[in-house]
């Protein structure tokens, strides 16, 4: 039997937008009626709530932090918030718990019998897949690759071999300040026939989505990806 209160999963824009182009009104209206939020960074959450014209001042809103460093006992303590009312779990950018902290807490919420309601918003992963021209029926998302160069090369070779055998699109991300280094490695390492898509600044000014074979990338060269949020996708064969 479901308990009375609900955890709402609240997406946020993928970057700074002057006007709202990515969040439906139902998502915004739900966020505006909540007064308790679980967030990665309170400062970012306050900025987002001001941007959507939340009716309460920030000092009347409860913020609790949940990030990759939050110890297990603190994650468990967040359940108490749902005893008092509805709660919003807010992403830093995009969808909560997708390449983002939160899945462990959501699992606990289900175990305790509370309802979990995902709200609609932008996902850089799926927007990039939609626009890539690569296989959208079968794909694998790998998050961040290893920081160790030898391990990273091994991962990419394994992924390309698996994609060649299965037809699955391979998707991964990198922090903006390392995007250029990763793109250069992909151009150097992957087979000429492999199709690579690089999607940058999705939904934002300067959005750029380019999808072509490695042989073509080697001829045209890479765009400037320095400090640009990007998604990388490839399919071999």
Protein backbone atom coordinates (compact mmCIF):
# COMPACT_ATOMS: atom_id res chain seq x y z
CA UNK A 1 0.00 0.00 0.00
CA UNK A 2 1.42 3.35 -1.06
CA UNK A 3 2.01 5.98 1.61
CA UNK A 4 0.51 9.45 1.42
CA UNK A 5 3.41 11.58 0.24
CA UNK A 6 5.25 11.62 -3.08
CA UNK A 7 8.82 12.06 -4.33
CA UNK A 8 8.83 14.13 -7.52
CA UNK A 9 11.85 13.86 -9.83
CA UNK A 10 12.41 17.36 -11.19
CA UNK A 11 14.54 17.93 -14.31
CA UNK A 12 16.33 21.22 -14.88
CA UNK A 13 17.71 22.92 -18.03
CA UNK A 14 21.02 21.72 -19.47
CA UNK A 15 22.54 25.17 -19.08
CA UNK A 16 21.68 28.80 -18.47
CA UNK A 17 18.60 29.77 -20.47
CA UNK A 18 17.10 33.25 -20.60
CA UNK A 19 13.75 31.80 -21.58
CA UNK A 20 12.26 28.38 -20.93
CA UNK A 21 12.40 26.16 -24.03
CA UNK A 22 12.69 22.72 -22.45
CA UNK A 23 10.43 22.32 -19.41
CA UNK A 24 6.66 21.83 -19.73
CA UNK A 25 4.30 23.84 -17.54
CA UNK A 26 3.26 20.79 -15.51
CA UNK A 27 6.87 20.27 -14.41
CA UNK A 28 7.20 23.94 -13.48
CA UNK A 29 3.87 24.11 -11.62
CA UNK A 30 4.73 20.98 -9.63
CA UNK A 31 8.11 22.42 -8.62
CA UNK A 32 6.47 25.71 -7.61
CA UNK A 33 4.11 24.04 -5.13
CA UNK A 34 6.87 22.12 -3.30
CA UNK A 35 8.77 23.58 -0.37
CA UNK A 36 11.24 20.74 0.31
CA UNK A 37 13.96 19.73 -2.13
CA UNK A 38 16.84 17.26 -2.25
CA UNK A 39 19.59 18.74 -4.41
CA UNK A 40 23.25 18.40 -5.37
CA UNK A 41 24.06 22.08 -4.78
CA UNK A 42 21.70 24.44 -2.92
CA UNK A 43 23.06 27.48 -4.80
CA UNK A 44 22.10 25.99 -8.17
CA UNK A 45 18.71 24.94 -6.83
CA UNK A 46 17.98 28.44 -5.51
CA UNK A 47 18.86 29.93 -8.90
CA UNK A 48 16.58 27.48 -10.68
CA UNK A 49 13.63 28.16 -8.35
CA UNK A 50 14.04 31.91 -8.82
CA UNK A 51 14.18 31.37 -12.58
CA UNK A 52 10.82 29.55 -12.54
CA UNK A 53 9.31 32.17 -10.19
CA UNK A 54 8.80 29.92 -7.19
CA UNK A 55 6.39 31.74 -4.87
CA UNK A 56 8.42 31.20 -1.68
CA UNK A 57 11.62 33.04 -0.73
CA UNK A 58 14.59 30.70 -0.45
CA UNK A 59 14.79 31.06 3.36
CA UNK A 60 11.35 29.42 3.61
CA UNK A 61 12.40 26.45 1.45
CA UNK A 62 14.11 23.34 2.87
CA UNK A 63 17.16 22.10 0.96
CA UNK A 64 18.97 18.86 1.77
CA UNK A 65 22.11 17.84 -0.10
CA UNK A 66 22.50 14.53 -1.90
CA UNK A 67 25.63 14.00 -3.98
CA UNK A 68 28.17 11.27 -4.63
CA UNK A 69 29.91 12.06 -1.32
CA UNK A 70 26.77 11.78 0.85
CA UNK A 71 27.28 8.93 3.37
CA UNK A 72 24.72 6.12 3.52
CA UNK A 73 23.32 7.12 6.90
CA UNK A 74 22.54 10.62 5.61
CA UNK A 75 20.84 9.19 2.51
CA UNK A 76 18.68 7.08 4.80
CA UNK A 77 17.81 10.11 6.93
CA UNK A 78 16.34 11.88 3.87
CA UNK A 79 13.38 9.51 4.06
CA UNK A 80 12.13 11.50 7.06
CA UNK A 81 11.35 14.40 4.75
CA UNK A 82 8.65 12.31 3.08
CA UNK A 83 7.00 11.68 6.42
CA UNK A 84 6.17 15.40 6.54
CA UNK A 85 5.12 16.08 2.94
CA UNK A 86 5.89 15.86 -0.76
CA UNK A 87 9.55 16.26 -1.76
CA UNK A 88 11.31 17.21 -4.98
CA UNK A 89 14.56 15.54 -6.05
CA UNK A 90 16.27 18.01 -8.35
CA UNK A 91 19.04 17.43 -10.88
CA UNK A 92 21.92 19.83 -11.43
CA UNK A 93 21.20 19.62 -15.14
CA UNK A 94 18.88 17.33 -17.05
CA UNK A 95 17.17 14.33 -15.48
CA UNK A 96 17.59 13.29 -11.83
CA UNK A 97 19.38 9.97 -11.25
CA UNK A 98 20.42 9.65 -14.92
CA UNK A 99 24.21 10.15 -14.97
CA UNK A 100 23.44 11.94 -11.71
CA UNK A 101 23.20 10.99 -8.00
CA UNK A 102 19.89 9.81 -6.62
CA UNK A 103 19.12 6.28 -7.76
CA UNK A 104 20.01 4.73 -4.40
CA UNK A 105 17.71 7.10 -2.56
CA UNK A 106 14.89 6.49 -5.05
CA UNK A 107 15.26 2.77 -4.43
CA UNK A 108 14.85 3.37 -0.68
CA UNK A 109 11.75 5.48 -1.35
CA UNK A 110 10.17 2.60 -3.28
CA UNK A 111 11.04 0.17 -0.49
CA UNK A 112 9.30 2.40 2.05
CA UNK A 113 6.11 2.48 -0.02
CA UNK A 114 6.14 6.09 -1.21
CA UNK A 115 5.10 7.03 -4.74
CA UNK A 116 7.80 8.21 -7.14
CA UNK A 117 6.71 10.52 -9.98
CA UNK A 118 9.19 11.38 -12.78
CA UNK A 119 8.56 14.74 -14.47
CA UNK A 120 9.34 15.61 -18.06
CA UNK A 121 12.46 17.55 -19.00
CA UNK A 122 15.58 17.53 -21.17
CA UNK A 123 18.09 14.68 -21.30
CA UNK A 124 21.32 15.38 -23.16
CA UNK A 125 21.81 11.63 -23.60
CA UNK A 126 18.54 11.02 -25.41
CA UNK A 127 18.54 14.31 -27.32
CA UNK A 128 21.95 13.38 -28.71
CA UNK A 129 20.80 9.87 -29.59
CA UNK A 130 17.72 11.24 -31.36
CA UNK A 131 19.82 13.54 -33.50
CA UNK A 132 22.77 11.22 -34.16
CA UNK A 133 21.35 9.02 -36.88
CA UNK A 134 22.73 6.02 -34.98
CA UNK A 135 20.82 2.97 -33.75
CA UNK A 136 18.17 4.17 -31.29
CA UNK A 137 16.70 0.70 -30.76
CA UNK A 138 19.78 -0.79 -29.10
CA UNK A 139 22.32 1.32 -27.25
CA UNK A 140 24.58 1.35 -24.20
CA UNK A 141 25.33 4.33 -21.97
CA UNK A 142 28.69 4.17 -20.19
CA UNK A 143 28.76 7.42 -18.23
CA UNK A 144 32.33 8.66 -17.77
CA UNK A 145 35.24 6.64 -19.11
CA UNK A 146 38.29 5.87 -17.00
CA UNK A 147 40.75 8.70 -16.32
CA UNK A 148 43.62 6.26 -16.76
CA UNK A 149 44.75 6.49 -20.38
CA UNK A 150 45.50 2.78 -20.85
CA UNK A 151 42.18 1.79 -19.29
CA UNK A 152 40.32 4.37 -21.38
CA UNK A 153 41.85 3.02 -24.60
CA UNK A 154 40.96 -0.52 -23.53
CA UNK A 155 37.37 0.54 -22.81
CA UNK A 156 36.98 2.21 -26.19
CA UNK A 157 38.40 -0.78 -28.05
CA UNK A 158 36.03 -3.10 -26.20
CA UNK A 159 33.08 -0.81 -26.95
CA UNK A 160 33.94 -0.59 -30.64
CA UNK A 161 34.31 -4.35 -30.93
CA UNK A 162 31.00 -4.88 -29.13
CA UNK A 163 29.28 -2.31 -31.36
CA UNK A 164 30.66 -4.01 -34.47
CA UNK A 165 29.31 -7.38 -33.34
CA UNK A 166 25.97 -6.21 -31.94
CA UNK A 167 25.08 -3.00 -33.78
CA UNK A 168 24.55 -1.23 -30.45
CA UNK A 169 25.25 2.51 -30.29
CA UNK A 170 27.81 3.41 -27.62
CA UNK A 171 27.19 6.60 -25.61
CA UNK A 172 29.40 8.32 -23.03
CA UNK A 173 30.16 11.71 -21.55
CA UNK A 174 33.13 13.72 -20.36
CA UNK A 175 33.65 16.79 -18.22
CA UNK A 176 33.74 19.93 -20.42
CA UNK A 177 37.41 20.72 -19.78
CA UNK A 178 38.43 17.27 -21.09
CA UNK A 179 36.06 17.10 -24.09
CA UNK A 180 38.72 18.12 -26.62
CA UNK A 181 41.18 15.49 -25.37
CA UNK A 182 38.57 12.74 -25.59
CA UNK A 183 37.47 13.77 -29.08
CA UNK A 184 41.08 13.71 -30.30
CA UNK A 185 41.55 10.23 -28.85
CA UNK A 186 38.40 8.98 -30.58
CA UNK A 187 39.54 10.31 -33.96
CA UNK A 188 42.92 8.68 -33.51
CA UNK A 189 41.78 5.34 -32.08
CA UNK A 190 38.52 4.34 -33.77
CA UNK A 191 38.30 2.59 -37.12
CA UNK A 192 37.78 4.76 -40.24
CA UNK A 193 34.34 3.20 -40.93
CA UNK A 194 33.00 3.85 -37.41
CA UNK A 195 30.40 6.62 -37.29
CA UNK A 196 30.97 9.15 -34.51
CA UNK A 197 28.51 11.80 -33.34
CA UNK A 198 29.56 14.70 -31.13
CA UNK A 199 26.65 16.73 -29.71
CA UNK A 200 27.62 19.98 -27.99
CA UNK A 201 25.64 22.61 -26.05
CA UNK A 202 22.35 20.79 -26.55
CA UNK A 203 19.27 23.07 -26.23
CA UNK A 204 21.60 26.07 -25.73
CA UNK A 205 22.94 28.86 -27.94
CA UNK A 206 25.78 27.44 -30.01
CA UNK A 207 24.25 23.97 -30.18
CA UNK A 208 26.19 21.82 -32.63
CA UNK A 209 25.52 18.19 -33.59
CA UNK A 210 27.84 16.53 -36.08
CA UNK A 211 27.64 12.88 -37.10
CA UNK A 212 30.01 11.29 -39.63
CA UNK A 213 32.53 8.52 -40.10
CA UNK A 214 35.95 8.69 -38.48
CA UNK A 215 37.55 8.93 -41.93
CA UNK A 216 35.53 12.12 -42.52
CA UNK A 217 36.36 13.51 -39.07
CA UNK A 218 40.05 13.05 -39.89
CA UNK A 219 39.62 15.10 -43.04
CA UNK A 220 37.53 17.93 -41.60
CA UNK A 221 39.05 18.15 -38.13
CA UNK A 222 37.34 18.75 -34.80
CA UNK A 223 35.30 21.77 -33.68
CA UNK A 224 36.42 23.73 -30.64
CA UNK A 225 35.15 21.67 -27.71
CA UNK A 226 37.21 23.30 -24.99
CA UNK A 227 35.00 23.71 -21.92
CA UNK A 228 31.92 22.82 -23.99
CA UNK A 229 29.45 20.26 -22.53
CA UNK A 230 29.35 17.41 -25.03
CA UNK A 231 27.91 13.93 -25.54
CA UNK A 232 29.82 11.32 -27.56
CA UNK A 233 28.18 8.49 -29.50
CA UNK A 234 29.56 5.98 -31.98
CA UNK A 235 28.53 2.92 -33.91
CA UNK A 236 31.01 0.61 -35.62
CA UNK A 237 30.66 -0.97 -39.03
